Amino acid sequence: MKKWIIVPTLFLMLASASALAQTAYVDNGSDPASRLNMRAAPEKTAASLGKFYTGVQVEIIASEGEWSRVRIGSGEGAVTGYMMTAYLAGDAQNVCPSRQVVSPYGTPAVVLRDSPSDSYDAVGMLQVGQAVSVLGVSGEFCYVLAADGTVGCLAADELR
């Protein structure tokens, strides 16, 4: 008899967890140069994982007071952290800047990294001339969205 209670309860718990995830967009206001920090923890003093432009789509995984745990992208290149809920909106406000991939090394392609550093793993290769949307910045690196939906990082000098 208990078997029949456990299975439906587990199903309801899993269905509820997936229902919590919702799509939102970064909304920094009317200044197109303004960017929103993604933090490593739900506090203003936590390390910044990057600064993201208005219009960047995020998946809200959980809410924690005035903070939301969010994910940008999917797969290997997904970025997960915390953003202030007050700066997330239910609809897209602006379009992220579009740039072209360039190679300061003279190669026909550049490495799309999983994190903002030269030493991180590759999530793909991007051909010179390929258009990408710039989602945000972290130091000398940019988070980008490739045409196939992959999110990763490029050095700023790999974009024009």
N, C-alpha and C. Protein backbone atom coordinates (compact mmCIF):
# COMPACT_ATOMS: atom_id res chain seq x y z
N MET A 1 0.81 -1.19 0.00
CA MET A 1 0.00 0.00 0.00
C MET A 1 0.86 1.26 0.00
N LYS A 2 1.95 1.26 0.74
CA LYS A 2 2.81 2.43 0.81
C LYS A 2 3.48 2.73 -0.52
N LYS A 3 3.72 1.71 -1.36
CA LYS A 3 4.33 1.93 -2.67
C LYS A 3 3.49 2.89 -3.49
N TRP A 4 2.19 2.76 -3.42
CA TRP A 4 1.31 3.59 -4.22
C TRP A 4 1.30 5.04 -3.75
N ILE A 5 1.60 5.27 -2.49
CA ILE A 5 1.65 6.63 -1.96
C ILE A 5 2.97 7.30 -2.33
N ILE A 6 4.07 6.56 -2.28
CA ILE A 6 5.40 7.12 -2.55
C ILE A 6 5.54 7.56 -4.00
N VAL A 7 5.12 6.75 -4.95
CA VAL A 7 5.29 7.07 -6.36
C VAL A 7 4.55 8.35 -6.75
N PRO A 8 3.25 8.50 -6.44
CA PRO A 8 2.58 9.76 -6.78
C PRO A 8 3.17 10.97 -6.06
N THR A 9 3.59 10.80 -4.81
CA THR A 9 4.19 11.90 -4.06
C THR A 9 5.49 12.33 -4.71
N LEU A 10 6.33 11.38 -5.11
CA LEU A 10 7.59 11.70 -5.79
C LEU A 10 7.31 12.42 -7.10
N PHE A 11 6.32 11.95 -7.86
CA PHE A 11 5.96 12.59 -9.12
C PHE A 11 5.53 14.04 -8.90
N LEU A 12 4.70 14.28 -7.88
CA LEU A 12 4.25 15.64 -7.59
C LEU A 12 5.41 16.54 -7.17
N MET A 13 6.37 15.99 -6.41
CA MET A 13 7.53 16.78 -5.99
C MET A 13 8.37 17.17 -7.20
N LEU A 14 8.60 16.24 -8.12
CA LEU A 14 9.39 16.53 -9.32
C LEU A 14 8.66 17.52 -10.22
N ALA A 15 7.36 17.36 -10.38
CA ALA A 15 6.59 18.27 -11.21
C ALA A 15 6.60 19.68 -10.61
N SER A 16 6.51 19.79 -9.29
CA SER A 16 6.54 21.10 -8.64
C SER A 16 7.88 21.78 -8.81
N ALA A 17 8.98 21.04 -8.71
CA ALA A 17 10.31 21.62 -8.86
C ALA A 17 10.51 22.18 -10.24
N SER A 18 10.05 21.46 -11.28
CA SER A 18 10.23 21.96 -12.64
C SER A 18 9.31 23.14 -12.92
N ALA A 19 8.17 23.21 -12.22
CA ALA A 19 7.25 24.32 -12.41
C ALA A 19 7.81 25.62 -11.84
N LEU A 20 8.75 25.54 -10.90
CA LEU A 20 9.34 26.73 -10.31
C LEU A 20 10.19 27.51 -11.31
N ALA A 21 10.85 26.81 -12.23
CA ALA A 21 11.70 27.48 -13.21
C ALA A 21 10.82 28.32 -14.14
N GLN A 22 11.22 29.58 -14.31
CA GLN A 22 10.48 30.46 -15.22
C GLN A 22 11.44 31.36 -15.97
N THR A 23 11.03 31.76 -17.13
CA THR A 23 11.85 32.64 -17.96
C THR A 23 11.64 34.09 -17.54
N ALA A 24 12.74 34.83 -17.48
CA ALA A 24 12.70 36.27 -17.21
C ALA A 24 13.80 36.91 -18.04
N TYR A 25 13.86 38.22 -18.00
CA TYR A 25 14.87 38.97 -18.76
C TYR A 25 15.49 40.03 -17.86
N VAL A 26 16.78 40.25 -18.03
CA VAL A 26 17.47 41.31 -17.30
C VAL A 26 16.86 42.64 -17.73
N ASP A 27 16.55 43.49 -16.76
CA ASP A 27 15.98 44.81 -17.02
C ASP A 27 16.73 45.84 -16.19
N ASN A 28 17.74 46.45 -16.80
CA ASN A 28 18.56 47.46 -16.13
C ASN A 28 18.04 48.87 -16.32
N GLY A 29 16.89 49.03 -16.92
CA GLY A 29 16.36 50.37 -17.17
C GLY A 29 16.68 50.81 -18.59
N SER A 30 16.62 52.10 -18.82
CA SER A 30 16.73 52.63 -20.18
C SER A 30 18.15 52.84 -20.67
N ASP A 31 19.17 52.74 -19.81
CA ASP A 31 20.55 52.94 -20.23
C ASP A 31 21.09 51.66 -20.87
N PRO A 32 21.33 51.67 -22.21
CA PRO A 32 21.77 50.45 -22.88
C PRO A 32 23.16 49.98 -22.45
N ALA A 33 23.94 50.84 -21.84
CA ALA A 33 25.28 50.45 -21.38
C ALA A 33 25.25 49.85 -19.98
N SER A 34 24.13 49.97 -19.28
CA SER A 34 24.02 49.45 -17.93
C SER A 34 23.97 47.93 -17.94
N ARG A 35 24.62 47.32 -16.95
CA ARG A 35 24.64 45.86 -16.87
C ARG A 35 24.37 45.43 -15.43
N LEU A 36 23.80 44.22 -15.30
CA LEU A 36 23.44 43.67 -14.00
C LEU A 36 24.43 42.59 -13.60
N ASN A 37 24.96 42.70 -12.37
CA ASN A 37 25.88 41.68 -11.86
C ASN A 37 25.16 40.36 -11.61
N MET A 38 25.82 39.27 -11.99
CA MET A 38 25.42 37.95 -11.52
C MET A 38 26.42 37.64 -10.42
N ARG A 39 25.93 37.28 -9.24
CA ARG A 39 26.79 37.06 -8.08
C ARG A 39 26.92 35.57 -7.76
N ALA A 40 28.02 35.22 -7.11
CA ALA A 40 28.28 33.84 -6.71
C ALA A 40 27.38 33.41 -5.55
N ALA A 41 26.89 34.37 -4.78
CA ALA A 41 26.01 34.10 -3.64
C ALA A 41 24.97 35.22 -3.59
N PRO A 42 23.86 35.02 -2.88
CA PRO A 42 22.80 36.04 -2.85
C PRO A 42 23.10 37.20 -1.90
N GLU A 43 24.14 37.94 -2.22
CA GLU A 43 24.49 39.14 -1.44
C GLU A 43 25.31 40.08 -2.31
N LYS A 44 25.15 41.38 -2.07
CA LYS A 44 25.80 42.41 -2.89
C LYS A 44 27.32 42.36 -2.83
N THR A 45 27.89 41.81 -1.77
CA THR A 45 29.35 41.76 -1.64
C THR A 45 29.96 40.47 -2.21
N ALA A 46 29.13 39.54 -2.69
CA ALA A 46 29.64 38.29 -3.26
C ALA A 46 30.35 38.57 -4.57
N ALA A 47 31.26 37.69 -4.94
CA ALA A 47 32.03 37.84 -6.19
C ALA A 47 31.09 37.93 -7.39
N SER A 48 31.43 38.82 -8.32
CA SER A 48 30.67 38.95 -9.56
C SER A 48 31.12 37.88 -10.55
N LEU A 49 30.17 37.17 -11.14
CA LEU A 49 30.47 36.17 -12.15
C LEU A 49 30.41 36.78 -13.55
N GLY A 50 29.93 38.00 -13.64
CA GLY A 50 29.81 38.72 -14.91
C GLY A 50 28.74 39.77 -14.78
N LYS A 51 28.72 40.69 -15.74
CA LYS A 51 27.73 41.77 -15.78
C LYS A 51 26.96 41.63 -17.08
N PHE A 52 25.63 41.57 -16.98
CA PHE A 52 24.80 41.22 -18.12
C PHE A 52 23.89 42.36 -18.55
N TYR A 53 23.72 42.48 -19.89
CA TYR A 53 22.95 43.54 -20.50
C TYR A 53 21.44 43.34 -20.35
N THR A 54 20.71 44.44 -20.44
CA THR A 54 19.25 44.38 -20.50
C THR A 54 18.85 43.53 -21.70
N GLY A 55 17.86 42.68 -21.49
CA GLY A 55 17.36 41.83 -22.57
C GLY A 55 17.89 40.42 -22.53
N VAL A 56 18.91 40.16 -21.70
CA VAL A 56 19.45 38.80 -21.60
C VAL A 56 18.40 37.91 -20.94
N GLN A 57 18.11 36.78 -21.59
CA GLN A 57 17.13 35.84 -21.06
C GLN A 57 17.78 34.99 -19.97
N VAL A 58 17.08 34.85 -18.85
CA VAL A 58 17.54 34.01 -17.74
C VAL A 58 16.43 33.04 -17.38
N GLU A 59 16.82 31.94 -16.81
CA GLU A 59 15.86 30.98 -16.26
C GLU A 59 15.95 31.11 -14.75
N ILE A 60 14.85 31.49 -14.10
CA ILE A 60 14.83 31.60 -12.64
C ILE A 60 14.65 30.19 -12.08
N ILE A 61 15.66 29.75 -11.33
CA ILE A 61 15.65 28.41 -10.75
C ILE A 61 14.99 28.43 -9.38
N ALA A 62 15.27 29.47 -8.60
CA ALA A 62 14.72 29.58 -7.25
C ALA A 62 14.73 31.04 -6.82
N SER A 63 13.88 31.37 -5.87
CA SER A 63 13.86 32.72 -5.30
C SER A 63 14.30 32.64 -3.85
N GLU A 64 15.14 33.60 -3.45
CA GLU A 64 15.64 33.67 -2.07
C GLU A 64 15.56 35.12 -1.61
N GLY A 65 14.41 35.50 -1.10
CA GLY A 65 14.23 36.88 -0.66
C GLY A 65 14.28 37.82 -1.85
N GLU A 66 15.15 38.82 -1.78
CA GLU A 66 15.24 39.79 -2.89
C GLU A 66 16.15 39.29 -4.02
N TRP A 67 16.61 38.05 -3.93
CA TRP A 67 17.51 37.47 -4.93
C TRP A 67 16.84 36.31 -5.65
N SER A 68 17.26 36.09 -6.90
CA SER A 68 16.83 34.92 -7.66
C SER A 68 18.07 34.15 -8.08
N ARG A 69 18.03 32.83 -7.94
CA ARG A 69 19.07 31.97 -8.49
C ARG A 69 18.69 31.76 -9.94
N VAL A 70 19.60 32.12 -10.86
CA VAL A 70 19.30 32.09 -12.28
C VAL A 70 20.34 31.30 -13.06
N ARG A 71 19.93 30.90 -14.28
CA ARG A 71 20.83 30.23 -15.21
C ARG A 71 20.68 30.92 -16.56
N ILE A 72 21.83 31.17 -17.20
CA ILE A 72 21.85 31.71 -18.55
C ILE A 72 22.44 30.64 -19.44
N GLY A 73 21.72 30.26 -20.48
CA GLY A 73 22.18 29.22 -21.39
C GLY A 73 21.89 27.83 -20.85
N SER A 74 22.41 26.84 -21.56
CA SER A 74 22.22 25.46 -21.14
C SER A 74 23.47 24.66 -21.51
N GLY A 75 23.56 23.46 -21.01
CA GLY A 75 24.69 22.60 -21.31
C GLY A 75 25.97 23.07 -20.65
N GLU A 76 27.11 22.72 -21.25
CA GLU A 76 28.43 23.02 -20.67
C GLU A 76 28.66 24.50 -20.42
N GLY A 77 28.17 25.34 -21.29
CA GLY A 77 28.45 26.76 -21.18
C GLY A 77 27.48 27.53 -20.30
N ALA A 78 26.52 26.87 -19.69
CA ALA A 78 25.54 27.57 -18.86
C ALA A 78 26.23 28.27 -17.69
N VAL A 79 25.73 29.45 -17.36
CA VAL A 79 26.25 30.23 -16.24
C VAL A 79 25.15 30.30 -15.19
N THR A 80 25.47 29.93 -13.96
CA THR A 80 24.48 29.92 -12.89
C THR A 80 24.98 30.79 -11.74
N GLY A 81 24.10 31.60 -11.20
CA GLY A 81 24.44 32.46 -10.08
C GLY A 81 23.20 33.18 -9.58
N TYR A 82 23.40 34.31 -8.92
CA TYR A 82 22.30 35.06 -8.30
C TYR A 82 22.22 36.46 -8.88
N MET A 83 20.97 36.91 -9.13
CA MET A 83 20.70 38.28 -9.57
C MET A 83 19.59 38.83 -8.69
N MET A 84 19.60 40.14 -8.49
CA MET A 84 18.54 40.78 -7.71
C MET A 84 17.24 40.70 -8.51
N THR A 85 16.21 40.18 -7.88
CA THR A 85 14.92 39.95 -8.53
C THR A 85 14.32 41.25 -9.06
N ALA A 86 14.57 42.36 -8.39
CA ALA A 86 14.01 43.65 -8.82
C ALA A 86 14.46 44.05 -10.22
N TYR A 87 15.57 43.47 -10.71
CA TYR A 87 16.09 43.80 -12.03
C TYR A 87 15.81 42.72 -13.07
N LEU A 88 14.82 41.88 -12.78
CA LEU A 88 14.39 40.85 -13.73
C LEU A 88 12.94 41.13 -14.10
N ALA A 89 12.63 41.08 -15.39
CA ALA A 89 11.29 41.37 -15.87
C ALA A 89 10.73 40.17 -16.63
N GLY A 90 9.42 40.15 -16.77
CA GLY A 90 8.75 39.05 -17.45
C GLY A 90 8.83 39.11 -18.96
N ASP A 91 9.25 40.25 -19.53
CA ASP A 91 9.36 40.35 -20.98
C ASP A 91 10.65 41.05 -21.37
N ALA A 92 11.09 40.78 -22.59
CA ALA A 92 12.35 41.33 -23.08
C ALA A 92 12.19 42.83 -23.29
N GLN A 93 13.19 43.60 -22.86
CA GLN A 93 13.15 45.06 -22.98
C GLN A 93 13.97 45.56 -24.17
N ASN A 94 15.21 45.15 -24.27
CA ASN A 94 16.11 45.59 -25.33
C ASN A 94 16.81 44.38 -25.93
N VAL A 95 17.43 44.59 -27.04
CA VAL A 95 18.20 43.52 -27.68
C VAL A 95 19.66 43.67 -27.27
N CYS A 96 20.30 42.57 -26.98
CA CYS A 96 21.72 42.57 -26.62
C CYS A 96 22.54 42.99 -27.84
N PRO A 97 23.70 43.62 -27.62
CA PRO A 97 24.52 44.03 -28.75
C PRO A 97 25.00 42.83 -29.57
N SER A 98 25.03 42.99 -30.88
CA SER A 98 25.53 41.94 -31.77
C SER A 98 26.94 42.32 -32.22
N ARG A 99 27.83 41.33 -32.28
CA ARG A 99 29.22 41.55 -32.70
C ARG A 99 29.64 40.42 -33.63
N GLN A 100 30.76 40.64 -34.33
CA GLN A 100 31.33 39.60 -35.19
C GLN A 100 32.59 39.05 -34.55
N VAL A 101 32.79 37.75 -34.74
CA VAL A 101 33.99 37.09 -34.24
C VAL A 101 35.16 37.46 -35.14
N VAL A 102 36.28 37.81 -34.51
CA VAL A 102 37.54 38.08 -35.23
C VAL A 102 38.63 37.26 -34.56
N SER A 103 39.73 37.11 -35.28
CA SER A 103 40.86 36.37 -34.71
C SER A 103 42.09 37.24 -34.69
N PRO A 104 42.52 37.67 -33.51
CA PRO A 104 43.77 38.45 -33.43
C PRO A 104 44.99 37.56 -33.68
N TYR A 105 44.77 36.26 -33.84
CA TYR A 105 45.87 35.30 -34.02
C TYR A 105 46.04 34.89 -35.47
N GLY A 106 45.16 35.36 -36.36
CA GLY A 106 45.24 35.01 -37.76
C GLY A 106 44.67 33.63 -38.08
N THR A 107 43.92 33.04 -37.16
CA THR A 107 43.32 31.72 -37.37
C THR A 107 41.91 31.88 -37.94
N PRO A 108 41.38 30.84 -38.59
CA PRO A 108 40.03 30.93 -39.16
C PRO A 108 38.91 30.78 -38.12
N ALA A 109 39.28 30.40 -36.89
CA ALA A 109 38.28 30.21 -35.84
C ALA A 109 38.92 30.51 -34.49
N VAL A 110 38.07 30.75 -33.50
CA VAL A 110 38.54 30.98 -32.13
C VAL A 110 37.79 30.04 -31.19
N VAL A 111 38.37 29.81 -30.02
CA VAL A 111 37.80 28.90 -29.03
C VAL A 111 36.74 29.62 -28.20
N LEU A 112 35.57 29.03 -28.10
CA LEU A 112 34.52 29.50 -27.21
C LEU A 112 34.71 28.76 -25.89
N ARG A 113 34.99 29.50 -24.82
CA ARG A 113 35.34 28.91 -23.52
C ARG A 113 34.12 28.81 -22.62
N ASP A 114 34.20 27.92 -21.62
CA ASP A 114 33.07 27.77 -20.70
C ASP A 114 33.08 28.80 -19.58
N SER A 115 34.19 29.50 -19.37
CA SER A 115 34.31 30.51 -18.33
C SER A 115 35.22 31.63 -18.82
N PRO A 116 35.17 32.80 -18.18
CA PRO A 116 35.96 33.95 -18.64
C PRO A 116 37.44 33.86 -18.29
N SER A 117 38.18 32.98 -18.97
CA SER A 117 39.62 32.83 -18.77
C SER A 117 40.20 32.02 -19.92
N ASP A 118 41.47 32.24 -20.21
CA ASP A 118 42.14 31.46 -21.26
C ASP A 118 42.35 30.01 -20.85
N SER A 119 42.31 29.72 -19.56
CA SER A 119 42.64 28.38 -19.09
C SER A 119 41.44 27.45 -18.93
N TYR A 120 40.23 27.90 -19.26
CA TYR A 120 39.05 27.06 -19.08
C TYR A 120 38.78 26.20 -20.31
N ASP A 121 37.91 25.20 -20.14
CA ASP A 121 37.59 24.25 -21.19
C ASP A 121 36.82 24.90 -22.33
N ALA A 122 37.03 24.35 -23.52
CA ALA A 122 36.32 24.82 -24.71
C ALA A 122 34.92 24.21 -24.75
N VAL A 123 33.93 25.02 -25.15
CA VAL A 123 32.59 24.50 -25.38
C VAL A 123 32.28 24.49 -26.87
N GLY A 124 33.19 25.04 -27.66
CA GLY A 124 33.00 25.04 -29.10
C GLY A 124 34.01 25.92 -29.80
N MET A 125 33.88 25.98 -31.11
CA MET A 125 34.72 26.84 -31.94
C MET A 125 33.79 27.77 -32.72
N LEU A 126 34.20 29.01 -32.88
CA LEU A 126 33.42 29.97 -33.66
C LEU A 126 34.27 30.45 -34.83
N GLN A 127 33.68 30.46 -36.02
CA GLN A 127 34.37 30.89 -37.22
C GLN A 127 34.49 32.42 -37.25
N VAL A 128 35.59 32.91 -37.77
CA VAL A 128 35.78 34.35 -37.96
C VAL A 128 34.66 34.86 -38.86
N GLY A 129 34.06 35.98 -38.49
CA GLY A 129 32.96 36.57 -39.23
C GLY A 129 31.59 36.16 -38.72
N GLN A 130 31.53 35.12 -37.89
CA GLN A 130 30.26 34.67 -37.33
C GLN A 130 29.69 35.72 -36.39
N ALA A 131 28.39 35.95 -36.46
CA ALA A 131 27.73 36.91 -35.57
C ALA A 131 27.35 36.23 -34.26
N VAL A 132 27.53 36.95 -33.15
CA VAL A 132 27.13 36.49 -31.82
C VAL A 132 26.45 37.64 -31.10
N SER A 133 25.62 37.31 -30.12
CA SER A 133 25.03 38.33 -29.25
C SER A 133 25.86 38.41 -27.99
N VAL A 134 26.25 39.61 -27.61
CA VAL A 134 27.01 39.81 -26.37
C VAL A 134 26.01 39.92 -25.23
N LEU A 135 26.11 38.97 -24.29
CA LEU A 135 25.19 38.93 -23.16
C LEU A 135 25.68 39.75 -21.98
N GLY A 136 27.01 39.79 -21.82
CA GLY A 136 27.58 40.50 -20.68
C GLY A 136 29.09 40.43 -20.71
N VAL A 137 29.71 40.98 -19.67
CA VAL A 137 31.16 41.02 -19.60
C VAL A 137 31.65 40.56 -18.23
N SER A 138 32.88 40.08 -18.22
CA SER A 138 33.57 39.72 -16.99
C SER A 138 35.05 39.99 -17.23
N GLY A 139 35.53 41.09 -16.68
CA GLY A 139 36.91 41.47 -16.92
C GLY A 139 37.15 41.72 -18.40
N GLU A 140 38.17 41.07 -18.96
CA GLU A 140 38.51 41.22 -20.38
C GLU A 140 37.79 40.22 -21.28
N PHE A 141 36.76 39.56 -20.75
CA PHE A 141 36.02 38.56 -21.50
C PHE A 141 34.56 38.96 -21.63
N CYS A 142 33.93 38.44 -22.68
CA CYS A 142 32.50 38.66 -22.92
C CYS A 142 31.78 37.33 -22.93
N TYR A 143 30.61 37.29 -22.28
CA TYR A 143 29.71 36.15 -22.42
C TYR A 143 28.95 36.37 -23.72
N VAL A 144 28.92 35.35 -24.57
CA VAL A 144 28.24 35.48 -25.86
C VAL A 144 27.26 34.33 -26.07
N LEU A 145 26.30 34.59 -26.93
CA LEU A 145 25.32 33.60 -27.36
C LEU A 145 25.54 33.36 -28.84
N ALA A 146 25.93 32.14 -29.21
CA ALA A 146 26.17 31.79 -30.61
C ALA A 146 24.84 31.48 -31.29
N ALA A 147 24.85 31.44 -32.61
CA ALA A 147 23.63 31.20 -33.39
C ALA A 147 22.98 29.86 -33.05
N ASP A 148 23.77 28.88 -32.63
CA ASP A 148 23.21 27.56 -32.30
C ASP A 148 22.67 27.48 -30.86
N GLY A 149 22.70 28.61 -30.12
CA GLY A 149 22.19 28.65 -28.77
C GLY A 149 23.23 28.40 -27.69
N THR A 150 24.47 28.12 -28.08
CA THR A 150 25.53 27.88 -27.11
C THR A 150 25.95 29.19 -26.45
N VAL A 151 26.09 29.16 -25.13
CA VAL A 151 26.60 30.30 -24.38
C VAL A 151 28.02 29.98 -23.96
N GLY A 152 28.93 30.94 -24.12
CA GLY A 152 30.32 30.76 -23.72
C GLY A 152 31.00 32.10 -23.63
N CYS A 153 32.32 32.07 -23.47
CA CYS A 153 33.10 33.29 -23.29
C CYS A 153 34.15 33.44 -24.39
N LEU A 154 34.32 34.68 -24.84
CA LEU A 154 35.38 35.06 -25.77
C LEU A 154 36.15 36.22 -25.16
N ALA A 155 37.43 36.31 -25.48
CA ALA A 155 38.21 37.48 -25.08
C ALA A 155 37.65 38.69 -25.84
N ALA A 156 37.69 39.86 -25.24
CA ALA A 156 37.15 41.06 -25.86
C ALA A 156 37.80 41.35 -27.21
N ASP A 157 39.10 41.01 -27.37
CA ASP A 157 39.76 41.29 -28.65
C ASP A 157 39.41 40.25 -29.72
N GLU A 158 38.55 39.30 -29.41
CA GLU A 158 38.05 38.33 -30.40
C GLU A 158 36.69 38.75 -30.95
N LEU A 159 36.28 39.97 -30.63
CA LEU A 159 34.99 40.51 -31.10
C LEU A 159 35.19 41.87 -31.73
N ARG A 160 34.41 42.13 -32.77
CA ARG A 160 34.43 43.44 -33.42
C ARG A 160 33.01 43.92 -33.57
